[in-house]
Structures are given as C-alpha cells and as structure tokens.
Amino acid sequence: MAEHSPAKVLSSNATVQASAGSGKTSLLVSRIIRLLLEGARPEAILAITFTRKAAAEMQERLLQRVFELAASDTSMLENKLQELALDPRHPALLDKARNLYETLLRIPQPVQTTTFHAFCQDLLRRFPLEADVPPGFELLEQTGVLFDQAWEALMVEASNHPDAPVSHALSGLFSELGLSNSKKALNGFIEHRSDWWAYTLDEAEPVTMASQRLQTQLEVDWNIDSLAIFFGDTDVQQALQQFVALLDKHPIATNQKTQETITRALDPQGEPQVRFAEVWDAFYTKSGEPRSRKSSKVLVTKLGEQGAEQLIELHYQLCTSLAAVQEQLAARYTLRINCDWYLAGQRYLEHFQRIKQEQRLLDFTDLEWKTFLLLNHADNALWVQYKLDSRIEHLLIDEF
C-alpha cells in the first residue's frame, strides 16, 4: 500500500493482500492512527473483523500504539511519525501525537472495533421495519435445537400429506441416500442457505428455477429414454451379437462368463436397468475403467488375424457407446437427486425460518443476509446508506 502524501490518506481506498502473520492487522491499526492524527473523528472510524477476540485485540493494539507515542521522546516520536508516513516537522502534529492516548481515553465515543455480525445486528436493530425483521429480535447463537424442530415439522408434514411433492422428494432422497445421509444433505442445505438465497434471489419459484437451470446445464431431456434407444439400436444389437460369436471361438472361462453376461443383457424380457448393468459389467471394471482386451498370439490363432482385430474393435466401439449412455444416466440421476434436494431443502428451510420468526429470533446467517438486502435491495436502501454515511467516514475491514 503506497501513499504519497498525507492529504491522500483520508481520501484514498486501499486493499492489502498478504499471507497470515505478515502484519495486515498492524497496518490497519497504523492507518487508524494516521487518520486520527490527521483530524478524523474517532467516532467516525469503524473497524470490522471476524471474531470478538480479534476486535478486542485490535482495540488493545490501538491503545498500545498511541501509548507508545505518548511515552516517546522527541527523536523516537519523530521516527514513529515517519513510519506512519507523516511529516514530523510540524509542532502541532507532535503535540497531537503525544496527547492522542489521553484523548482516546477521555472521549465519549471512541474508535469502533467490532465484528461483522455485531455490525449487522446493530444495523438491523436500528432499521427493523426497513429490514423486515422483528423489532427487538434476539440473537440465536446455537441452532441445533431449531434444526431438530424443523426436521420434526418436515416429517409430520410428509406423513400427513404423503402425496405432496415434498413427500415424494423425501422418498426419493431416502431411497437413494438413506435416512442418515439424506438428513446430512438437507442440513447442509440449511447451513448454506445464504448461497441458496443469493442464487434464487427475486425468483417467485426458486425450486423450479434452480431445477430448470440445472437441467439445462446437464443437457437432460426427460422425454428421451437412453436405455430404450441403446437397446433399440440395431447396430448395437448386431455388435453385441458379433462380439459374443467371436468370443465363442476362444472359449476360455473369462470369455464364457462374458458371453453369458451379454446374452442375459440381450434378453428383451429383462428390466432395462438390469440389462444395462449386465452389459456394462461385461465391458467395464467395478472401478469404471474399460476392461483390457488386447491382441495376442493365442487370440489370433483362435480367431484369425481379422477376427482378433474385429473383436478388439468391437470391444472399444461398445465401450464408447456404453460410456455415452452411462454419462446420460448419471446426468439424469444427478438432476433427479438434486431436484428432490432442492424441493425438500426449500421446505425444510421454510420450517426452519418460520420457527425462528415465531420466536423472534435471528441467527448469524440471518444477520448477514438481512443486512445485505437492507443495503442493496430494500425500498429504503439509499436512505439507510445515507444514514450510515453520515455516521461512518472511514471503514476498515480486517481479514476481508
């Protein structure tokens, strides 16, 4: 951060990026001291960080630094002012630096050092109606009990309305993920609710929007049955039959097992999903890698050179076709699971927010989100910003 003259200190904005322990907080405190020595009002300076401990430490560092100014002799004081990019040749500045510690101790409104959440909480308490929060709300720091209450409400709703969309979504999640993993996934939805709110901001139907956007990204068409197309493709059927016929000329145990697997897959009476799993197993390992199939002297002896080449070519041709279908199936599965997650998660979140509202509670995420809306999207956003501007002239953010 380079500043070429004291006049620029009050007017310039600065961002410092550096690794941990390199002195960012110390630099921030230096900037506060510089602002104070150049005439900034202490109550017009706001420094924000993440934790209460860090905010208290910042205040402690500030007082310690200005105490060092007060306790320094003239030579040391001039050096310290030079380190702050200030001109020590002005007697008035030297006097102000010596008296700054006492000034800060006596002033009724000192420099504010606080946390992000404390700042948000203070702002929402000042503008509850504009922020659409309960006046006199209480801050909820532990949300575990509310998670349990919201989950119970969701389960009661699903039990009372088994044909409702949210009940089907929960059934889909439970059948694919199990109860425990489904609950973890839905808890994760609530824990990252600010991301969901930001993603679906101003959307009347957030679940519909998110589902349609994901469907577009995954290029899924619900009207296309990938398995029916695969097994209805005459070229694929012929390739599988030729592959089986070629394996029959080299009847070792592995080839016979592959023949049996493919033969079962070719049975049109079987379930498409089971048939596809069979043919997939014939060409792919359990880790999802294509099975190795290479030419050898024995293979050429049994099938002839042309037959061996044809077998290997068919193998890789069918592997490619199977991979394409598997990718389409995976995309459909991902879409279906996520659509269920969106729907059940949104309803779970609605119960969670309703319970807090009934008890006039806000949690830390609510503080962040409501403040964001208040400053950016509320009808009175410009007025609130004006009120902040009239009170805060210098905003310093640690660990931004």
Protein backbone atom coordinates (compact mmCIF):
# COMPACT_ATOMS: atom_id res chain seq x y z
CA MET A 1 0.00 0.00 0.00
CA ALA A 2 1.67 3.21 -1.16
CA GLU A 3 0.53 6.66 -0.12
CA HIS A 4 2.50 9.63 -1.43
CA SER A 5 1.21 12.46 0.73
CA PRO A 6 -0.72 12.94 3.98
CA ALA A 7 -3.51 14.60 2.01
CA LYS A 8 -4.22 11.34 0.22
CA VAL A 9 -4.55 9.27 3.37
CA LEU A 10 -8.10 10.40 4.12
CA SER A 11 -9.32 10.20 0.55
CA SER A 12 -7.80 7.02 -0.84
CA ASN A 13 -9.07 3.46 -0.59
CA ALA A 14 -6.59 0.65 -0.07
CA THR A 15 -6.66 -3.13 -0.22
CA VAL A 16 -3.82 -5.17 1.23
CA GLN A 17 -3.39 -8.85 0.36
CA ALA A 18 -0.74 -10.78 2.24
CA SER A 19 -0.15 -14.10 3.93
CA ALA A 20 -1.04 -14.83 7.55
CA GLY A 21 1.23 -13.27 10.14
CA SER A 22 2.70 -10.70 7.76
CA GLY A 23 1.28 -7.68 9.59
CA LYS A 24 -2.04 -6.83 7.92
CA THR A 25 -3.74 -6.05 11.24
CA SER A 26 -0.77 -3.96 12.33
CA LEU A 27 -1.02 -2.00 9.09
CA LEU A 28 -4.72 -1.46 9.69
CA VAL A 29 -4.04 -0.09 13.17
CA SER A 30 -1.39 2.20 11.68
CA ARG A 31 -3.95 3.53 9.26
CA ILE A 32 -6.37 4.26 12.11
CA ILE A 33 -3.67 6.18 14.00
CA ARG A 34 -2.79 8.12 10.87
CA LEU A 35 -6.43 9.04 10.34
CA LEU A 36 -6.75 10.24 13.93
CA LEU A 37 -3.61 12.35 13.71
CA GLU A 38 -4.86 13.96 10.51
CA GLY A 39 -8.09 15.05 12.11
CA ALA A 40 -10.55 12.20 11.62
CA ARG A 41 -13.17 11.96 14.36
CA PRO A 42 -12.73 8.76 16.41
CA GLU A 43 -16.46 8.00 16.36
CA ALA A 44 -16.43 8.24 12.54
CA ILE A 45 -13.95 5.36 12.23
CA LEU A 46 -15.28 1.80 12.11
CA ALA A 47 -13.01 -1.25 12.02
CA ILE A 48 -14.59 -4.66 11.44
CA THR A 49 -13.17 -8.16 11.84
CA PHE A 50 -14.48 -11.69 12.31
CA THR A 51 -14.27 -12.52 15.99
CA ARG A 52 -14.85 -10.67 19.24
CA LYS A 53 -11.35 -11.65 20.32
CA ALA A 54 -9.83 -10.10 17.20
CA ALA A 55 -11.90 -6.92 17.67
CA ALA A 56 -10.74 -6.62 21.28
CA GLU A 57 -7.14 -7.26 20.23
CA MET A 58 -7.41 -4.55 17.58
CA GLN A 59 -8.61 -2.05 20.22
CA GLU A 60 -5.80 -3.15 22.54
CA ARG A 61 -3.19 -2.71 19.81
CA LEU A 62 -4.52 0.74 19.02
CA LEU A 63 -4.25 1.92 22.63
CA GLN A 64 -0.84 0.33 22.99
CA ARG A 65 0.46 2.08 19.89
CA VAL A 66 -0.84 5.52 20.88
CA PHE A 67 0.55 4.99 24.40
CA GLU A 68 3.95 4.40 22.83
CA LEU A 69 3.57 7.73 21.03
CA ALA A 70 2.80 9.47 24.33
CA ALA A 71 5.76 7.84 26.09
CA SER A 72 8.32 8.53 23.35
CA ASP A 73 10.92 11.27 23.46
CA THR A 74 11.08 13.74 20.59
CA SER A 75 13.52 11.71 18.49
CA MET A 76 11.59 8.45 18.89
CA LEU A 77 8.29 10.22 18.25
CA GLU A 78 9.58 11.73 15.02
CA ASN A 79 10.72 8.29 13.87
CA LYS A 80 7.33 6.76 14.67
CA LEU A 81 5.53 9.50 12.75
CA GLN A 82 7.80 8.95 9.76
CA GLU A 83 6.93 5.25 9.90
CA LEU A 84 3.28 6.33 9.66
CA ALA A 85 4.09 8.36 6.50
CA LEU A 86 3.52 11.63 8.38
CA ASP A 87 5.73 14.72 8.41
CA PRO A 88 7.17 15.15 11.94
CA ARG A 89 8.35 18.72 11.28
CA HIS A 90 5.03 20.24 12.38
CA PRO A 91 4.96 21.03 16.12
CA ALA A 92 1.15 20.75 16.19
CA LEU A 93 1.39 17.16 14.92
CA LEU A 94 3.94 16.28 17.60
CA ASP A 95 1.68 17.66 20.31
CA LYS A 96 -1.33 15.85 18.90
CA ALA A 97 0.58 12.57 18.80
CA ARG A 98 1.69 12.98 22.43
CA ASN A 99 -1.89 13.73 23.56
CA LEU A 100 -3.70 11.18 21.41
CA TYR A 101 -3.63 8.45 24.08
CA GLU A 102 -5.28 10.69 26.68
CA THR A 103 -7.77 11.92 24.07
CA LEU A 104 -8.87 8.40 23.27
CA LEU A 105 -9.25 7.54 26.96
CA ARG A 106 -11.43 10.57 27.66
CA ILE A 107 -13.53 10.74 24.52
CA PRO A 108 -17.15 9.53 24.99
CA GLN A 109 -17.32 7.82 21.59
CA PRO A 110 -14.04 6.04 20.79
CA VAL A 111 -12.94 4.31 17.61
CA GLN A 112 -15.32 1.42 16.98
CA THR A 113 -13.78 -2.02 16.59
CA THR A 114 -16.38 -4.69 16.17
CA THR A 115 -17.30 -7.90 14.32
CA PHE A 116 -19.22 -8.33 11.10
CA HIS A 117 -22.15 -9.86 12.91
CA ALA A 118 -22.20 -7.20 15.62
CA PHE A 119 -22.24 -4.52 12.93
CA CYS A 120 -25.10 -6.27 11.14
CA GLN A 121 -27.00 -6.74 14.39
CA ASP A 122 -26.65 -3.07 15.29
CA LEU A 123 -27.79 -2.00 11.84
CA LEU A 124 -30.85 -4.27 11.87
CA ARG A 125 -31.84 -3.08 15.34
CA ARG A 126 -31.73 0.50 14.07
CA PHE A 127 -33.81 -0.26 10.97
CA PRO A 128 -36.03 -3.27 11.83
CA LEU A 129 -39.02 -2.25 9.73
CA GLU A 130 -36.91 -1.42 6.69
CA ALA A 131 -35.05 -4.74 7.07
CA ASP A 132 -38.23 -6.76 7.67
CA VAL A 133 -37.03 -8.22 10.97
CA PRO A 134 -38.90 -8.39 14.31
CA PRO A 135 -38.21 -5.25 16.37
CA GLY A 136 -36.26 -6.22 19.47
CA PHE A 137 -35.24 -9.58 17.99
CA GLU A 138 -32.89 -11.85 19.92
CA LEU A 139 -29.72 -13.36 18.51
CA LEU A 140 -29.62 -17.16 18.36
CA GLU A 141 -26.05 -18.44 18.56
CA GLN A 142 -26.79 -22.21 18.78
CA THR A 143 -29.19 -23.55 16.14
CA GLY A 144 -29.09 -27.29 16.90
CA VAL A 145 -32.46 -27.36 18.67
CA LEU A 146 -34.11 -25.46 15.82
CA PHE A 147 -32.72 -27.96 13.30
CA ASP A 148 -34.45 -30.74 15.25
CA GLN A 149 -37.72 -28.81 15.48
CA ALA A 150 -37.71 -28.01 11.77
CA TRP A 151 -36.90 -31.64 10.89
CA GLU A 152 -39.78 -32.88 13.03
CA ALA A 153 -42.14 -30.39 11.36
CA LEU A 154 -40.97 -31.58 7.93
CA MET A 155 -41.52 -35.24 8.83
CA VAL A 156 -45.00 -34.50 10.23
CA GLU A 157 -45.91 -32.66 7.04
CA ALA A 158 -44.70 -35.55 4.88
CA SER A 159 -46.62 -38.09 6.98
CA ASN A 160 -49.84 -36.06 6.88
CA HIS A 161 -49.59 -35.40 3.14
CA PRO A 162 -47.97 -38.49 1.57
CA ASP A 163 -48.96 -37.47 -1.98
CA ALA A 164 -47.50 -33.97 -1.72
CA PRO A 165 -44.45 -33.12 -3.90
CA VAL A 166 -42.22 -32.67 -0.84
CA SER A 167 -43.16 -36.17 0.37
CA HIS A 168 -42.16 -37.67 -2.99
CA ALA A 169 -38.91 -35.69 -2.89
CA LEU A 170 -38.09 -37.03 0.56
CA SER A 171 -38.92 -40.57 -0.53
CA GLY A 172 -36.58 -40.18 -3.48
CA LEU A 173 -33.76 -38.99 -1.25
CA PHE A 174 -34.33 -41.69 1.38
CA SER A 175 -34.36 -44.48 -1.22
CA GLU A 176 -31.14 -43.29 -2.88
CA LEU A 177 -29.14 -41.89 0.04
CA GLY A 178 -30.66 -43.47 3.13
CA LEU A 179 -32.17 -41.59 6.06
CA SER A 180 -28.92 -40.52 7.71
CA ASN A 181 -27.23 -39.21 4.56
CA SER A 182 -30.44 -37.52 3.42
CA LYS A 183 -30.66 -35.66 6.70
CA LYS A 184 -27.00 -34.62 6.40
CA ALA A 185 -27.63 -33.36 2.87
CA LEU A 186 -30.70 -31.39 3.93
CA ASN A 187 -28.91 -29.98 6.97
CA GLY A 188 -26.21 -28.86 4.57
CA PHE A 189 -28.88 -27.09 2.54
CA ILE A 190 -29.86 -25.03 5.58
CA GLU A 191 -26.26 -24.43 6.64
CA HIS A 192 -25.58 -22.93 3.19
CA ARG A 193 -28.93 -21.18 2.92
CA SER A 194 -27.39 -17.80 2.14
CA ASP A 195 -25.92 -19.34 -1.03
CA TRP A 196 -29.39 -20.64 -1.93
CA TRP A 197 -30.98 -17.27 -1.23
CA ALA A 198 -28.39 -15.49 -3.34
CA TYR A 199 -28.78 -18.00 -6.18
CA THR A 200 -32.57 -17.72 -6.22
CA LEU A 201 -32.85 -14.01 -5.32
CA ASP A 202 -36.05 -12.38 -6.65
CA GLU A 203 -37.31 -15.71 -8.03
CA ALA A 204 -41.01 -16.38 -7.38
CA GLU A 205 -40.44 -20.15 -7.77
CA PRO A 206 -36.87 -20.78 -6.61
CA VAL A 207 -37.06 -24.58 -6.79
CA THR A 208 -38.45 -24.50 -10.33
CA MET A 209 -35.81 -22.04 -11.47
CA ALA A 210 -32.92 -23.98 -9.91
CA SER A 211 -34.19 -27.28 -11.31
CA GLN A 212 -34.65 -25.90 -14.82
CA ARG A 213 -31.24 -24.27 -14.80
CA LEU A 214 -29.55 -27.48 -13.65
CA GLN A 215 -31.46 -29.44 -16.30
CA THR A 216 -30.13 -27.08 -18.96
CA GLN A 217 -26.58 -27.35 -17.64
CA LEU A 218 -26.72 -31.15 -17.61
CA GLU A 219 -28.45 -31.26 -21.03
CA VAL A 220 -31.09 -33.69 -19.81
CA ASP A 221 -34.28 -34.30 -21.78
CA TRP A 222 -36.82 -36.21 -19.69
CA ASN A 223 -38.60 -37.31 -22.87
CA ILE A 224 -35.58 -39.26 -24.10
CA ASP A 225 -35.14 -42.80 -22.78
CA SER A 226 -31.44 -43.50 -23.18
CA LEU A 227 -31.78 -47.21 -22.35
CA ALA A 228 -34.60 -47.75 -24.85
CA ILE A 229 -32.55 -46.04 -27.53
CA PHE A 230 -29.47 -48.09 -26.67
CA PHE A 231 -31.20 -51.47 -26.73
CA GLY A 232 -33.31 -50.46 -29.71
CA ASP A 233 -30.28 -49.60 -31.80
CA THR A 234 -29.85 -52.39 -34.36
CA ASP A 235 -26.17 -51.55 -34.81
CA VAL A 236 -25.57 -52.00 -31.10
CA GLN A 237 -27.50 -55.29 -31.08
CA GLN A 238 -25.52 -56.62 -34.02
CA ALA A 239 -22.24 -55.52 -32.46
CA LEU A 240 -23.07 -57.34 -29.22
CA GLN A 241 -24.11 -60.49 -31.09
CA GLN A 242 -20.94 -60.44 -33.21
CA PHE A 243 -18.87 -59.93 -30.07
CA VAL A 244 -20.49 -62.98 -28.43
CA ALA A 245 -19.94 -65.05 -31.58
CA LEU A 246 -16.25 -64.13 -31.69
CA LEU A 247 -15.79 -64.97 -28.00
CA ASP A 248 -17.33 -68.38 -28.70
CA LYS A 249 -14.28 -69.20 -30.85
CA HIS A 250 -11.99 -68.68 -27.84
CA PRO A 251 -13.91 -70.47 -25.05
CA ILE A 252 -11.79 -69.75 -22.01
CA ALA A 253 -13.55 -69.27 -18.66
CA THR A 254 -13.40 -65.45 -18.74
CA ASN A 255 -14.81 -65.27 -22.26
CA GLN A 256 -17.57 -67.75 -21.42
CA LYS A 257 -18.59 -65.68 -18.42
CA THR A 258 -18.66 -62.53 -20.60
CA GLN A 259 -20.77 -64.40 -23.18
CA GLU A 260 -23.31 -65.38 -20.53
CA THR A 261 -23.48 -61.83 -19.19
CA ILE A 262 -24.06 -60.30 -22.63
CA THR A 263 -26.61 -62.97 -23.53
CA ARG A 264 -28.64 -62.09 -20.43
CA ALA A 265 -28.42 -58.43 -21.38
CA LEU A 266 -29.77 -59.18 -24.86
CA ASP A 267 -32.95 -60.73 -23.43
CA PRO A 268 -35.73 -58.20 -24.25
CA GLN A 269 -37.85 -59.53 -21.37
CA GLY A 270 -35.47 -58.20 -18.74
CA GLU A 271 -35.63 -54.84 -16.98
CA PRO A 272 -33.71 -52.22 -18.97
CA GLN A 273 -31.72 -51.08 -15.93
CA VAL A 274 -30.70 -54.67 -15.13
CA ARG A 275 -29.84 -55.39 -18.75
CA PHE A 276 -27.66 -52.30 -18.97
CA ALA A 277 -25.91 -53.21 -15.73
CA GLU A 278 -25.14 -56.65 -17.19
CA VAL A 279 -23.66 -55.34 -20.42
CA TRP A 280 -21.76 -52.65 -18.53
CA ASP A 281 -20.20 -55.32 -16.31
CA ALA A 282 -19.10 -57.20 -19.41
CA PHE A 283 -17.07 -54.27 -20.68
CA TYR A 284 -16.15 -52.24 -17.61
CA THR A 285 -14.47 -53.00 -14.30
CA LYS A 286 -16.04 -52.14 -10.93
CA SER A 287 -13.84 -49.04 -10.79
CA GLY A 288 -15.41 -47.80 -14.03
CA GLU A 289 -12.43 -48.47 -16.29
CA PRO A 290 -12.78 -50.27 -19.65
CA ARG A 291 -11.70 -53.91 -19.36
CA SER A 292 -8.39 -54.61 -21.01
CA ARG A 293 -8.62 -56.53 -24.26
CA LYS A 294 -5.51 -56.83 -26.42
CA SER A 295 -4.37 -58.93 -29.34
CA SER A 296 -2.20 -61.96 -28.63
CA LYS A 297 -0.78 -64.96 -30.47
CA VAL A 298 -3.40 -67.22 -28.88
CA LEU A 299 -6.22 -64.88 -29.85
CA VAL A 300 -5.02 -64.67 -33.46
CA THR A 301 -4.66 -68.46 -33.57
CA LYS A 302 -8.24 -68.97 -32.35
CA LEU A 303 -9.99 -66.17 -34.27
CA GLY A 304 -7.65 -65.46 -37.12
CA GLU A 305 -5.97 -62.11 -37.61
CA GLN A 306 -9.12 -60.48 -38.99
CA GLY A 307 -11.31 -61.93 -36.25
CA ALA A 308 -8.94 -60.74 -33.49
CA GLU A 309 -8.90 -57.22 -34.94
CA GLN A 310 -12.68 -57.25 -35.19
CA LEU A 311 -13.08 -58.40 -31.57
CA ILE A 312 -10.85 -55.62 -30.25
CA GLU A 313 -12.50 -53.03 -32.49
CA LEU A 314 -15.98 -54.11 -31.31
CA HIS A 315 -14.81 -54.02 -27.71
CA TYR A 316 -13.73 -50.38 -27.86
CA GLN A 317 -16.71 -49.41 -30.03
CA LEU A 318 -19.12 -50.84 -27.47
CA CYS A 319 -17.16 -49.30 -24.59
CA THR A 320 -17.61 -45.89 -26.20
CA SER A 321 -21.35 -46.44 -26.70
CA LEU A 322 -21.79 -47.66 -23.13
CA ALA A 323 -19.84 -44.69 -21.74
CA ALA A 324 -22.10 -42.26 -23.58
CA VAL A 325 -25.22 -43.90 -22.17
CA GLN A 326 -23.72 -44.09 -18.69
CA GLU A 327 -22.97 -40.37 -18.83
CA GLN A 328 -26.58 -39.64 -19.78
CA LEU A 329 -27.86 -41.86 -16.98
CA ALA A 330 -25.54 -40.19 -14.48
CA ALA A 331 -26.78 -36.77 -15.58
CA ARG A 332 -30.41 -37.85 -15.15
CA TYR A 333 -29.62 -39.30 -11.72
CA THR A 334 -27.80 -36.12 -10.66
CA LEU A 335 -30.71 -34.00 -11.85
CA ARG A 336 -33.32 -36.13 -10.13
CA ILE A 337 -31.46 -36.24 -6.80
CA ASN A 338 -30.75 -32.52 -6.85
CA CYS A 339 -34.32 -31.62 -7.76
CA ASP A 340 -35.51 -33.66 -4.78
CA TRP A 341 -32.85 -31.96 -2.66
CA TYR A 342 -33.95 -28.50 -3.81
CA LEU A 343 -37.61 -29.20 -3.09
CA ALA A 344 -37.17 -30.91 0.28
CA GLY A 345 -34.45 -28.47 1.29
CA GLN A 346 -36.57 -25.44 0.47
CA ARG A 347 -39.47 -26.78 2.53
CA TYR A 348 -37.13 -27.73 5.39
CA LEU A 349 -35.72 -24.20 5.28
CA GLU A 350 -39.20 -22.69 5.35
CA HIS A 351 -39.98 -24.59 8.55
CA PHE A 352 -36.61 -23.52 10.00
CA GLN A 353 -37.22 -19.84 9.24
CA ARG A 354 -40.85 -19.99 10.41
CA ILE A 355 -39.87 -21.34 13.83
CA LYS A 356 -37.32 -18.56 14.28
CA GLN A 357 -39.79 -15.93 13.21
CA GLU A 358 -42.39 -17.19 15.67
CA GLN A 359 -39.82 -16.91 18.45
CA ARG A 360 -38.48 -13.51 17.22
CA LEU A 361 -35.02 -14.97 16.66
CA LEU A 362 -32.29 -14.30 14.13
CA ASP A 363 -29.12 -16.33 13.71
CA PHE A 364 -25.78 -15.25 12.28
CA THR A 365 -26.74 -16.10 8.70
CA ASP A 366 -29.93 -14.06 9.07
CA LEU A 367 -27.87 -11.09 10.24
CA GLU A 368 -25.67 -11.26 7.14
CA TRP A 369 -28.48 -11.82 4.67
CA LYS A 370 -30.90 -9.28 6.09
CA THR A 371 -28.16 -6.66 6.16
CA PHE A 372 -27.27 -7.42 2.55
CA LEU A 373 -30.89 -6.99 1.50
CA LEU A 374 -31.29 -3.84 3.57
CA LEU A 375 -28.28 -2.15 1.98
CA ASN A 376 -28.89 -3.33 -1.57
CA HIS A 377 -32.49 -4.26 -2.23
CA ALA A 378 -34.76 -2.64 0.33
CA ASP A 379 -37.02 0.22 -0.77
CA ASN A 380 -35.19 2.44 1.71
CA ALA A 381 -31.68 1.25 0.82
CA LEU A 382 -30.47 4.66 -0.30
CA TRP A 383 -31.81 6.29 2.85
CA VAL A 384 -30.13 3.70 5.08
CA GLN A 385 -26.87 4.16 3.18
CA TYR A 386 -27.17 7.93 3.69
CA LYS A 387 -27.64 7.45 7.43
CA LEU A 388 -24.56 5.23 7.53
CA ASP A 389 -22.52 7.70 5.52
CA SER A 390 -23.40 10.46 7.95
CA ARG A 391 -22.05 8.39 10.84
CA ILE A 392 -19.15 6.42 9.33
CA GLU A 393 -16.46 8.22 7.36
CA HIS A 394 -13.74 5.57 7.43
CA LEU A 395 -14.44 1.84 7.19
CA LEU A 396 -11.57 -0.58 7.77
CA ILE A 397 -12.08 -4.31 7.34
CA ASP A 398 -9.68 -6.92 8.70
CA GLU A 399 -9.48 -10.42 7.18
CA PHE A 400 -11.83 -9.33 4.38
